[in-house]
Amino acid sequence: MLEVLYEDNHLIAVNKHAGDIVQSDKT
């Protein structure tokens, strides 16, 4: 489940879990 740490109209920050990838890769 997504854990949002900060959010406003311009930004959003989340707590990434080990194993998650931030953006797409060859997998």
mmCIF file of all heavy atoms, coordinates in Angstrom:
data_MODEL
# 
_entry.id   MODEL 
# 
loop_
_atom_site.group_PDB 
_atom_site.id 
_atom_site.type_symbol 
_atom_site.label_atom_id 
_atom_site.label_alt_id 
_atom_site.label_comp_id 
_atom_site.label_asym_id 
_atom_site.label_entity_id 
_atom_site.label_seq_id 
_atom_site.pdbx_PDB_ins_code 
_atom_site.Cartn_x 
_atom_site.Cartn_y 
_atom_site.Cartn_z 
_atom_site.occupancy 
_atom_site.B_iso_or_equiv 
_atom_site.pdbx_formal_charge 
_atom_site.auth_seq_id 
_atom_site.auth_comp_id 
_atom_site.auth_asym_id 
_atom_site.auth_atom_id 
_atom_site.pdbx_PDB_model_num 
ATOM 1   N N   . MET A 1 1  ? 0.832  -1.196 0.000   1.00 0.00 ? 1  MET A N   1 
ATOM 2   C CA  . MET A 1 1  ? 0.000  0.000  0.000   1.00 0.00 ? 1  MET A CA  1 
ATOM 3   C C   . MET A 1 1  ? 0.872  1.254  0.000   1.00 0.00 ? 1  MET A C   1 
ATOM 4   O O   . MET A 1 1  ? 1.899  1.304  0.668   1.00 0.00 ? 1  MET A O   1 
ATOM 5   C CB  . MET A 1 1  ? -0.920 0.004  1.229   1.00 0.00 ? 1  MET A CB  1 
ATOM 6   C CG  . MET A 1 1  ? -1.886 1.166  1.271   1.00 0.00 ? 1  MET A CG  1 
ATOM 7   S SD  . MET A 1 1  ? -3.078 0.998  2.605   1.00 0.00 ? 1  MET A SD  1 
ATOM 8   C CE  . MET A 1 1  ? -3.922 2.564  2.468   1.00 0.00 ? 1  MET A CE  1 
ATOM 9   N N   . LEU A 1 2  ? 0.447  2.267  -0.767  1.00 0.00 ? 2  LEU A N   1 
ATOM 10  C CA  . LEU A 1 2  ? 1.229  3.494  -0.902  1.00 0.00 ? 2  LEU A CA  1 
ATOM 11  C C   . LEU A 1 2  ? 1.240  4.272  0.413   1.00 0.00 ? 2  LEU A C   1 
ATOM 12  O O   . LEU A 1 2  ? 0.197  4.521  1.012   1.00 0.00 ? 2  LEU A O   1 
ATOM 13  C CB  . LEU A 1 2  ? 0.621  4.359  -2.012  1.00 0.00 ? 2  LEU A CB  1 
ATOM 14  C CG  . LEU A 1 2  ? 1.516  5.463  -2.584  1.00 0.00 ? 2  LEU A CG  1 
ATOM 15  C CD1 . LEU A 1 2  ? 2.713  4.857  -3.313  1.00 0.00 ? 2  LEU A CD1 1 
ATOM 16  C CD2 . LEU A 1 2  ? 0.709  6.329  -3.540  1.00 0.00 ? 2  LEU A CD2 1 
ATOM 17  N N   . GLU A 1 3  ? 2.446  4.655  0.855   1.00 0.00 ? 3  GLU A N   1 
ATOM 18  C CA  . GLU A 1 3  ? 2.598  5.435  2.087   1.00 0.00 ? 3  GLU A CA  1 
ATOM 19  C C   . GLU A 1 3  ? 3.023  6.852  1.711   1.00 0.00 ? 3  GLU A C   1 
ATOM 20  O O   . GLU A 1 3  ? 4.185  7.111  1.426   1.00 0.00 ? 3  GLU A O   1 
ATOM 21  C CB  . GLU A 1 3  ? 3.647  4.778  2.996   1.00 0.00 ? 3  GLU A CB  1 
ATOM 22  C CG  . GLU A 1 3  ? 3.794  5.459  4.347   1.00 0.00 ? 3  GLU A CG  1 
ATOM 23  C CD  . GLU A 1 3  ? 4.849  4.807  5.220   1.00 0.00 ? 3  GLU A CD  1 
ATOM 24  O OE1 . GLU A 1 3  ? 5.342  3.710  4.867   1.00 0.00 ? 3  GLU A OE1 1 
ATOM 25  O OE2 . GLU A 1 3  ? 5.210  5.410  6.253   1.00 0.00 ? 3  GLU A OE2 1 
ATOM 26  N N   . VAL A 1 4  ? 2.048  7.772  1.702   1.00 0.00 ? 4  VAL A N   1 
ATOM 27  C CA  . VAL A 1 4  ? 2.308  9.155  1.307   1.00 0.00 ? 4  VAL A CA  1 
ATOM 28  C C   . VAL A 1 4  ? 2.862  9.919  2.509   1.00 0.00 ? 4  VAL A C   1 
ATOM 29  O O   . VAL A 1 4  ? 2.272  9.931  3.582   1.00 0.00 ? 4  VAL A O   1 
ATOM 30  C CB  . VAL A 1 4  ? 1.029  9.835  0.771   1.00 0.00 ? 4  VAL A CB  1 
ATOM 31  C CG1 . VAL A 1 4  ? 1.307  11.292 0.420   1.00 0.00 ? 4  VAL A CG1 1 
ATOM 32  C CG2 . VAL A 1 4  ? 0.510  9.084  -0.458  1.00 0.00 ? 4  VAL A CG2 1 
ATOM 33  N N   . LEU A 1 5  ? 4.001  10.582 2.318   1.00 0.00 ? 5  LEU A N   1 
ATOM 34  C CA  . LEU A 1 5  ? 4.664  11.325 3.394   1.00 0.00 ? 5  LEU A CA  1 
ATOM 35  C C   . LEU A 1 5  ? 4.382  12.821 3.322   1.00 0.00 ? 5  LEU A C   1 
ATOM 36  O O   . LEU A 1 5  ? 4.395  13.513 4.340   1.00 0.00 ? 5  LEU A O   1 
ATOM 37  C CB  . LEU A 1 5  ? 6.175  11.108 3.322   1.00 0.00 ? 5  LEU A CB  1 
ATOM 38  C CG  . LEU A 1 5  ? 6.667  9.662  3.413   1.00 0.00 ? 5  LEU A CG  1 
ATOM 39  C CD1 . LEU A 1 5  ? 8.167  9.603  3.125   1.00 0.00 ? 5  LEU A CD1 1 
ATOM 40  C CD2 . LEU A 1 5  ? 6.370  9.081  4.792   1.00 0.00 ? 5  LEU A CD2 1 
ATOM 41  N N   . TYR A 1 6  ? 4.161  13.326 2.107   1.00 0.00 ? 6  TYR A N   1 
ATOM 42  C CA  . TYR A 1 6  ? 3.944  14.766 1.897   1.00 0.00 ? 6  TYR A CA  1 
ATOM 43  C C   . TYR A 1 6  ? 3.187  14.925 0.591   1.00 0.00 ? 6  TYR A C   1 
ATOM 44  O O   . TYR A 1 6  ? 3.439  14.201 -0.375  1.00 0.00 ? 6  TYR A O   1 
ATOM 45  C CB  . TYR A 1 6  ? 5.278  15.507 1.818   1.00 0.00 ? 6  TYR A CB  1 
ATOM 46  C CG  . TYR A 1 6  ? 5.152  16.994 1.599   1.00 0.00 ? 6  TYR A CG  1 
ATOM 47  C CD1 . TYR A 1 6  ? 5.149  17.883 2.672   1.00 0.00 ? 6  TYR A CD1 1 
ATOM 48  C CD2 . TYR A 1 6  ? 5.031  17.514 0.316   1.00 0.00 ? 6  TYR A CD2 1 
ATOM 49  C CE1 . TYR A 1 6  ? 5.019  19.255 2.464   1.00 0.00 ? 6  TYR A CE1 1 
ATOM 50  C CE2 . TYR A 1 6  ? 4.903  18.883 0.099   1.00 0.00 ? 6  TYR A CE2 1 
ATOM 51  C CZ  . TYR A 1 6  ? 4.894  19.750 1.181   1.00 0.00 ? 6  TYR A CZ  1 
ATOM 52  O OH  . TYR A 1 6  ? 4.766  21.102 0.979   1.00 0.00 ? 6  TYR A OH  1 
ATOM 53  N N   . GLU A 1 7  ? 2.266  15.902 0.583   1.00 0.00 ? 7  GLU A N   1 
ATOM 54  C CA  . GLU A 1 7  ? 1.480  16.112 -0.632  1.00 0.00 ? 7  GLU A CA  1 
ATOM 55  C C   . GLU A 1 7  ? 0.930  17.524 -0.668  1.00 0.00 ? 7  GLU A C   1 
ATOM 56  O O   . GLU A 1 7  ? 0.404  18.021 0.328   1.00 0.00 ? 7  GLU A O   1 
ATOM 57  C CB  . GLU A 1 7  ? 0.334  15.101 -0.640  1.00 0.00 ? 7  GLU A CB  1 
ATOM 58  C CG  . GLU A 1 7  ? -0.542 15.116 -1.873  1.00 0.00 ? 7  GLU A CG  1 
ATOM 59  C CD  . GLU A 1 7  ? -1.636 14.057 -1.795  1.00 0.00 ? 7  GLU A CD  1 
ATOM 60  O OE1 . GLU A 1 7  ? -1.703 13.309 -0.796  1.00 0.00 ? 7  GLU A OE1 1 
ATOM 61  O OE2 . GLU A 1 7  ? -2.436 13.991 -2.743  1.00 0.00 ? 7  GLU A OE2 1 
ATOM 62  N N   . ASP A 1 8  ? 1.097  18.208 -1.807  1.00 0.00 ? 8  ASP A N   1 
ATOM 63  C CA  . ASP A 1 8  ? 0.406  19.464 -2.052  1.00 0.00 ? 8  ASP A CA  1 
ATOM 64  C C   . ASP A 1 8  ? 0.170  19.565 -3.564  1.00 0.00 ? 8  ASP A C   1 
ATOM 65  O O   . ASP A 1 8  ? 0.317  18.578 -4.283  1.00 0.00 ? 8  ASP A O   1 
ATOM 66  C CB  . ASP A 1 8  ? 1.161  20.675 -1.465  1.00 0.00 ? 8  ASP A CB  1 
ATOM 67  C CG  . ASP A 1 8  ? 2.513  20.941 -2.128  1.00 0.00 ? 8  ASP A CG  1 
ATOM 68  O OD1 . ASP A 1 8  ? 2.756  20.425 -3.248  1.00 0.00 ? 8  ASP A OD1 1 
ATOM 69  O OD2 . ASP A 1 8  ? 3.329  21.671 -1.539  1.00 0.00 ? 8  ASP A OD2 1 
ATOM 70  N N   . ASN A 1 9  ? -0.184 20.747 -4.046  1.00 0.00 ? 9  ASN A N   1 
ATOM 71  C CA  . ASN A 1 9  ? -0.516 20.884 -5.468  1.00 0.00 ? 9  ASN A CA  1 
ATOM 72  C C   . ASN A 1 9  ? 0.672  20.661 -6.399  1.00 0.00 ? 9  ASN A C   1 
ATOM 73  O O   . ASN A 1 9  ? 0.491  20.367 -7.581  1.00 0.00 ? 9  ASN A O   1 
ATOM 74  C CB  . ASN A 1 9  ? -1.106 22.271 -5.743  1.00 0.00 ? 9  ASN A CB  1 
ATOM 75  C CG  . ASN A 1 9  ? -2.467 22.442 -5.128  1.00 0.00 ? 9  ASN A CG  1 
ATOM 76  O OD1 . ASN A 1 9  ? -3.169 21.462 -4.888  1.00 0.00 ? 9  ASN A OD1 1 
ATOM 77  N ND2 . ASN A 1 9  ? -2.857 23.685 -4.860  1.00 0.00 ? 9  ASN A ND2 1 
ATOM 78  N N   . HIS A 1 10 ? 1.895  20.832 -5.871  1.00 0.00 ? 10 HIS A N   1 
ATOM 79  C CA  . HIS A 1 10 ? 3.089  20.755 -6.716  1.00 0.00 ? 10 HIS A CA  1 
ATOM 80  C C   . HIS A 1 10 ? 3.959  19.532 -6.463  1.00 0.00 ? 10 HIS A C   1 
ATOM 81  O O   . HIS A 1 10 ? 4.766  19.165 -7.316  1.00 0.00 ? 10 HIS A O   1 
ATOM 82  C CB  . HIS A 1 10 ? 3.944  22.013 -6.526  1.00 0.00 ? 10 HIS A CB  1 
ATOM 83  C CG  . HIS A 1 10 ? 3.307  23.250 -7.076  1.00 0.00 ? 10 HIS A CG  1 
ATOM 84  N ND1 . HIS A 1 10 ? 3.421  23.628 -8.401  1.00 0.00 ? 10 HIS A ND1 1 
ATOM 85  C CD2 . HIS A 1 10 ? 2.532  24.196 -6.480  1.00 0.00 ? 10 HIS A CD2 1 
ATOM 86  C CE1 . HIS A 1 10 ? 2.749  24.748 -8.593  1.00 0.00 ? 10 HIS A CE1 1 
ATOM 87  N NE2 . HIS A 1 10 ? 2.215  25.117 -7.453  1.00 0.00 ? 10 HIS A NE2 1 
ATOM 88  N N   . LEU A 1 11 ? 3.823  18.918 -5.296  1.00 0.00 ? 11 LEU A N   1 
ATOM 89  C CA  . LEU A 1 11 ? 4.725  17.842 -4.885  1.00 0.00 ? 11 LEU A CA  1 
ATOM 90  C C   . LEU A 1 11 ? 3.974  16.663 -4.292  1.00 0.00 ? 11 LEU A C   1 
ATOM 91  O O   . LEU A 1 11 ? 2.890  16.823 -3.729  1.00 0.00 ? 11 LEU A O   1 
ATOM 92  C CB  . LEU A 1 11 ? 5.702  18.342 -3.810  1.00 0.00 ? 11 LEU A CB  1 
ATOM 93  C CG  . LEU A 1 11 ? 6.499  19.615 -4.058  1.00 0.00 ? 11 LEU A CG  1 
ATOM 94  C CD1 . LEU A 1 11 ? 7.223  20.015 -2.782  1.00 0.00 ? 11 LEU A CD1 1 
ATOM 95  C CD2 . LEU A 1 11 ? 7.479  19.405 -5.199  1.00 0.00 ? 11 LEU A CD2 1 
ATOM 96  N N   . ILE A 1 12 ? 4.588  15.512 -4.382  1.00 0.00 ? 12 ILE A N   1 
ATOM 97  C CA  . ILE A 1 12 ? 4.142  14.357 -3.599  1.00 0.00 ? 12 ILE A CA  1 
ATOM 98  C C   . ILE A 1 12 ? 5.369  13.519 -3.274  1.00 0.00 ? 12 ILE A C   1 
ATOM 99  O O   . ILE A 1 12 ? 6.237  13.295 -4.137  1.00 0.00 ? 12 ILE A O   1 
ATOM 100 C CB  . ILE A 1 12 ? 3.053  13.534 -4.324  1.00 0.00 ? 12 ILE A CB  1 
ATOM 101 C CG1 . ILE A 1 12 ? 2.551  12.397 -3.420  1.00 0.00 ? 12 ILE A CG1 1 
ATOM 102 C CG2 . ILE A 1 12 ? 3.543  13.005 -5.672  1.00 0.00 ? 12 ILE A CG2 1 
ATOM 103 C CD1 . ILE A 1 12 ? 1.278  11.738 -3.928  1.00 0.00 ? 12 ILE A CD1 1 
ATOM 104 N N   . ALA A 1 13 ? 5.479  13.094 -2.026  1.00 0.00 ? 13 ALA A N   1 
ATOM 105 C CA  . ALA A 1 13 ? 6.593  12.257 -1.591  1.00 0.00 ? 13 ALA A CA  1 
ATOM 106 C C   . ALA A 1 13 ? 6.026  11.012 -0.929  1.00 0.00 ? 13 ALA A C   1 
ATOM 107 O O   . ALA A 1 13 ? 5.045  11.080 -0.184  1.00 0.00 ? 13 ALA A O   1 
ATOM 108 C CB  . ALA A 1 13 ? 7.497  13.005 -0.615  1.00 0.00 ? 13 ALA A CB  1 
ATOM 109 N N   . VAL A 1 14 ? 6.646  9.865  -1.215  1.00 0.00 ? 14 VAL A N   1 
ATOM 110 C CA  . VAL A 1 14 ? 6.178  8.602  -0.653  1.00 0.00 ? 14 VAL A CA  1 
ATOM 111 C C   . VAL A 1 14 ? 7.345  7.848  -0.030  1.00 0.00 ? 14 VAL A C   1 
ATOM 112 O O   . VAL A 1 14 ? 8.516  8.128  -0.315  1.00 0.00 ? 14 VAL A O   1 
ATOM 113 C CB  . VAL A 1 14 ? 5.494  7.722  -1.730  1.00 0.00 ? 14 VAL A CB  1 
ATOM 114 C CG1 . VAL A 1 14 ? 4.282  8.424  -2.305  1.00 0.00 ? 14 VAL A CG1 1 
ATOM 115 C CG2 . VAL A 1 14 ? 6.462  7.348  -2.843  1.00 0.00 ? 14 VAL A CG2 1 
ATOM 116 N N   . ASN A 1 15 ? 6.998  6.895  0.828   1.00 0.00 ? 15 ASN A N   1 
ATOM 117 C CA  . ASN A 1 15 ? 7.997  6.048  1.468   1.00 0.00 ? 15 ASN A CA  1 
ATOM 118 C C   . ASN A 1 15 ? 8.100  4.754  0.666   1.00 0.00 ? 15 ASN A C   1 
ATOM 119 O O   . ASN A 1 15 ? 7.218  3.901  0.718   1.00 0.00 ? 15 ASN A O   1 
ATOM 120 C CB  . ASN A 1 15 ? 7.579  5.756  2.919   1.00 0.00 ? 15 ASN A CB  1 
ATOM 121 C CG  . ASN A 1 15 ? 8.698  5.157  3.741   1.00 0.00 ? 15 ASN A CG  1 
ATOM 122 O OD1 . ASN A 1 15 ? 9.810  4.969  3.263   1.00 0.00 ? 15 ASN A OD1 1 
ATOM 123 N ND2 . ASN A 1 15 ? 8.405  4.851  5.001   1.00 0.00 ? 15 ASN A ND2 1 
ATOM 124 N N   . LYS A 1 16 ? 9.159  4.649  -0.119  1.00 0.00 ? 16 LYS A N   1 
ATOM 125 C CA  . LYS A 1 16 ? 9.357  3.490  -0.995  1.00 0.00 ? 16 LYS A CA  1 
ATOM 126 C C   . LYS A 1 16 ? 9.736  2.261  -0.173  1.00 0.00 ? 16 LYS A C   1 
ATOM 127 O O   . LYS A 1 16 ? 10.540 2.341  0.755   1.00 0.00 ? 16 LYS A O   1 
ATOM 128 C CB  . LYS A 1 16 ? 10.457 3.819  -1.999  1.00 0.00 ? 16 LYS A CB  1 
ATOM 129 C CG  . LYS A 1 16 ? 10.887 2.669  -2.899  1.00 0.00 ? 16 LYS A CG  1 
ATOM 130 C CD  . LYS A 1 16 ? 12.077 3.107  -3.736  1.00 0.00 ? 16 LYS A CD  1 
ATOM 131 C CE  . LYS A 1 16 ? 12.778 1.993  -4.461  1.00 0.00 ? 16 LYS A CE  1 
ATOM 132 N NZ  . LYS A 1 16 ? 13.144 0.825  -3.682  1.00 0.00 ? 16 LYS A NZ  1 
ATOM 133 N N   . HIS A 1 17 ? 9.173  1.126  -0.549  1.00 0.00 ? 17 HIS A N   1 
ATOM 134 C CA  . HIS A 1 17 ? 9.557  -0.136 0.075   1.00 0.00 ? 17 HIS A CA  1 
ATOM 135 C C   . HIS A 1 17 ? 10.717 -0.751 -0.698  1.00 0.00 ? 17 HIS A C   1 
ATOM 136 O O   . HIS A 1 17 ? 10.801 -0.601 -1.923  1.00 0.00 ? 17 HIS A O   1 
ATOM 137 C CB  . HIS A 1 17 ? 8.370  -1.112 0.083   1.00 0.00 ? 17 HIS A CB  1 
ATOM 138 C CG  . HIS A 1 17 ? 7.168  -0.581 0.785   1.00 0.00 ? 17 HIS A CG  1 
ATOM 139 N ND1 . HIS A 1 17 ? 5.921  -0.568 0.222   1.00 0.00 ? 17 HIS A ND1 1 
ATOM 140 C CD2 . HIS A 1 17 ? 7.029  -0.009 2.012   1.00 0.00 ? 17 HIS A CD2 1 
ATOM 141 C CE1 . HIS A 1 17 ? 5.048  -0.022 1.058   1.00 0.00 ? 17 HIS A CE1 1 
ATOM 142 N NE2 . HIS A 1 17 ? 5.705  0.328  2.142   1.00 0.00 ? 17 HIS A NE2 1 
ATOM 143 N N   . ALA A 1 18 ? 11.607 -1.437 -0.004  1.00 0.00 ? 18 ALA A N   1 
ATOM 144 C CA  . ALA A 1 18 ? 12.687 -2.150 -0.680  1.00 0.00 ? 18 ALA A CA  1 
ATOM 145 C C   . ALA A 1 18 ? 12.078 -3.133 -1.677  1.00 0.00 ? 18 ALA A C   1 
ATOM 146 O O   . ALA A 1 18 ? 11.136 -3.852 -1.355  1.00 0.00 ? 18 ALA A O   1 
ATOM 147 C CB  . ALA A 1 18 ? 13.545 -2.891 0.345   1.00 0.00 ? 18 ALA A CB  1 
ATOM 148 N N   . GLY A 1 19 ? 12.600 -3.124 -2.888  1.00 0.00 ? 19 GLY A N   1 
ATOM 149 C CA  . GLY A 1 19 ? 12.080 -4.003 -3.934  1.00 0.00 ? 19 GLY A CA  1 
ATOM 150 C C   . GLY A 1 19 ? 11.256 -3.278 -4.975  1.00 0.00 ? 19 GLY A C   1 
ATOM 151 O O   . GLY A 1 19 ? 11.111 -3.746 -6.106  1.00 0.00 ? 19 GLY A O   1 
ATOM 152 N N   . ASP A 1 20 ? 10.684 -2.123 -4.601  1.00 0.00 ? 20 ASP A N   1 
ATOM 153 C CA  . ASP A 1 20 ? 9.938  -1.316 -5.576  1.00 0.00 ? 20 ASP A CA  1 
ATOM 154 C C   . ASP A 1 20 ? 10.920 -0.632 -6.522  1.00 0.00 ? 20 ASP A C   1 
ATOM 155 O O   . ASP A 1 20 ? 12.009 -0.219 -6.101  1.00 0.00 ? 20 ASP A O   1 
ATOM 156 C CB  . ASP A 1 20 ? 9.112  -0.231 -4.877  1.00 0.00 ? 20 ASP A CB  1 
ATOM 157 C CG  . ASP A 1 20 ? 7.953  -0.791 -4.076  1.00 0.00 ? 20 ASP A CG  1 
ATOM 158 O OD1 . ASP A 1 20 ? 7.614  -1.975 -4.276  1.00 0.00 ? 20 ASP A OD1 1 
ATOM 159 O OD2 . ASP A 1 20 ? 7.380  -0.050 -3.250  1.00 0.00 ? 20 ASP A OD2 1 
ATOM 160 N N   . ILE A 1 21 ? 10.521 -0.470 -7.798  1.00 0.00 ? 21 ILE A N   1 
ATOM 161 C CA  . ILE A 1 21 ? 11.325 0.317  -8.721  1.00 0.00 ? 21 ILE A CA  1 
ATOM 162 C C   . ILE A 1 21 ? 10.636 1.650  -8.966  1.00 0.00 ? 21 ILE A C   1 
ATOM 163 O O   . ILE A 1 21 ? 9.413  1.714  -9.052  1.00 0.00 ? 21 ILE A O   1 
ATOM 164 C CB  . ILE A 1 21 ? 11.593 -0.407 -10.056 1.00 0.00 ? 21 ILE A CB  1 
ATOM 165 C CG1 . ILE A 1 21 ? 10.298 -0.921 -10.691 1.00 0.00 ? 21 ILE A CG1 1 
ATOM 166 C CG2 . ILE A 1 21 ? 12.590 -1.512 -9.879  1.00 0.00 ? 21 ILE A CG2 1 
ATOM 167 C CD1 . ILE A 1 21 ? 10.510 -1.455 -12.099 1.00 0.00 ? 21 ILE A CD1 1 
ATOM 168 N N   . VAL A 1 22 ? 11.413 2.717  -9.036  1.00 0.00 ? 22 VAL A N   1 
ATOM 169 C CA  . VAL A 1 22 ? 10.839 4.055  -9.163  1.00 0.00 ? 22 VAL A CA  1 
ATOM 170 C C   . VAL A 1 22 ? 10.260 4.253  -10.558 1.00 0.00 ? 22 VAL A C   1 
ATOM 171 O O   . VAL A 1 22 ? 9.154  4.760  -10.721 1.00 0.00 ? 22 VAL A O   1 
ATOM 172 C CB  . VAL A 1 22 ? 11.898 5.137  -8.850  1.00 0.00 ? 22 VAL A CB  1 
ATOM 173 C CG1 . VAL A 1 22 ? 11.335 6.535  -9.108  1.00 0.00 ? 22 VAL A CG1 1 
ATOM 174 C CG2 . VAL A 1 22 ? 12.358 5.015  -7.399  1.00 0.00 ? 22 VAL A CG2 1 
ATOM 175 N N   . GLN A 1 23 ? 11.016 3.868  -11.597 1.00 0.00 ? 23 GLN A N   1 
ATOM 176 C CA  . GLN A 1 23 ? 10.521 4.002  -12.958 1.00 0.00 ? 23 GLN A CA  1 
ATOM 177 C C   . GLN A 1 23 ? 10.850 2.738  -13.746 1.00 0.00 ? 23 GLN A C   1 
ATOM 178 O O   . GLN A 1 23 ? 11.648 1.909  -13.309 1.00 0.00 ? 23 GLN A O   1 
ATOM 179 C CB  . GLN A 1 23 ? 11.102 5.228  -13.641 1.00 0.00 ? 23 GLN A CB  1 
ATOM 180 C CG  . GLN A 1 23 ? 12.581 5.194  -13.885 1.00 0.00 ? 23 GLN A CG  1 
ATOM 181 C CD  . GLN A 1 23 ? 13.084 6.439  -14.593 1.00 0.00 ? 23 GLN A CD  1 
ATOM 182 O OE1 . GLN A 1 23 ? 14.132 6.962  -14.269 1.00 0.00 ? 23 GLN A OE1 1 
ATOM 183 N NE2 . GLN A 1 23 ? 12.352 6.930  -15.567 1.00 0.00 ? 23 GLN A NE2 1 
ATOM 184 N N   . SER A 1 24 ? 10.238 2.582  -14.908 1.00 0.00 ? 24 SER A N   1 
ATOM 185 C CA  . SER A 1 24 ? 10.327 1.325  -15.644 1.00 0.00 ? 24 SER A CA  1 
ATOM 186 C C   . SER A 1 24 ? 11.760 0.979  -16.028 1.00 0.00 ? 24 SER A C   1 
ATOM 187 O O   . SER A 1 24 ? 12.580 1.857  -16.304 1.00 0.00 ? 24 SER A O   1 
ATOM 188 C CB  . SER A 1 24 ? 9.446  1.383  -16.893 1.00 0.00 ? 24 SER A CB  1 
ATOM 189 O OG  . SER A 1 24 ? 9.853  2.443  -17.729 1.00 0.00 ? 24 SER A OG  1 
ATOM 190 N N   . ASP A 1 25 ? 12.036 -0.316 -16.037 1.00 0.00 ? 25 ASP A N   1 
ATOM 191 C CA  . ASP A 1 25 ? 13.336 -0.811 -16.482 1.00 0.00 ? 25 ASP A CA  1 
ATOM 192 C C   . ASP A 1 25 ? 13.115 -2.064 -17.326 1.00 0.00 ? 25 ASP A C   1 
ATOM 193 O O   . ASP A 1 25 ? 11.977 -2.384 -17.698 1.00 0.00 ? 25 ASP A O   1 
ATOM 194 C CB  . ASP A 1 25 ? 14.259 -1.078 -15.281 1.00 0.00 ? 25 ASP A CB  1 
ATOM 195 C CG  . ASP A 1 25 ? 13.750 -2.197 -14.372 1.00 0.00 ? 25 ASP A CG  1 
ATOM 196 O OD1 . ASP A 1 25 ? 12.726 -2.837 -14.700 1.00 0.00 ? 25 ASP A OD1 1 
ATOM 197 O OD2 . ASP A 1 25 ? 14.397 -2.454 -13.337 1.00 0.00 ? 25 ASP A OD2 1 
ATOM 198 N N   . LYS A 1 26 ? 14.176 -2.780 -17.599 1.00 0.00 ? 26 LYS A N   1 
ATOM 199 C CA  . LYS A 1 26 ? 14.081 -3.930 -18.506 1.00 0.00 ? 26 LYS A CA  1 
ATOM 200 C C   . LYS A 1 26 ? 13.247 -5.075 -17.935 1.00 0.00 ? 26 LYS A C   1 
ATOM 201 O O   . LYS A 1 26 ? 12.826 -5.966 -18.682 1.00 0.00 ? 26 LYS A O   1 
ATOM 202 C CB  . LYS A 1 26 ? 15.482 -4.421 -18.870 1.00 0.00 ? 26 LYS A CB  1 
ATOM 203 C CG  . LYS A 1 26 ? 16.315 -4.892 -17.688 1.00 0.00 ? 26 LYS A CG  1 
ATOM 204 C CD  . LYS A 1 26 ? 17.740 -5.216 -18.118 1.00 0.00 ? 26 LYS A CD  1 
ATOM 205 C CE  . LYS A 1 26 ? 18.587 -5.637 -16.920 1.00 0.00 ? 26 LYS A CE  1 
ATOM 206 N NZ  . LYS A 1 26 ? 19.987 -5.878 -17.309 1.00 0.00 ? 26 LYS A NZ  1 
ATOM 207 N N   . THR A 1 27 ? 12.993 -5.069 -16.615 1.00 0.00 ? 27 THR A N   1 
ATOM 208 C CA  . THR A 1 27 ? 12.184 -6.140 -16.024 1.00 0.00 ? 27 THR A CA  1 
ATOM 209 C C   . THR A 1 27 ? 10.717 -6.029 -16.431 1.00 0.00 ? 27 THR A C   1 
ATOM 210 O O   . THR A 1 27 ? 9.995  -7.022 -16.442 1.00 0.00 ? 27 THR A O   1 
ATOM 211 C CB  . THR A 1 27 ? 12.254 -6.112 -14.484 1.00 0.00 ? 27 THR A CB  1 
ATOM 212 O OG1 . THR A 1 27 ? 11.652 -4.903 -13.997 1.00 0.00 ? 27 THR A OG1 1 
ATOM 213 C CG2 . THR A 1 27 ? 13.690 -6.193 -13.992 1.00 0.00 ? 27 THR A CG2 1 
# 
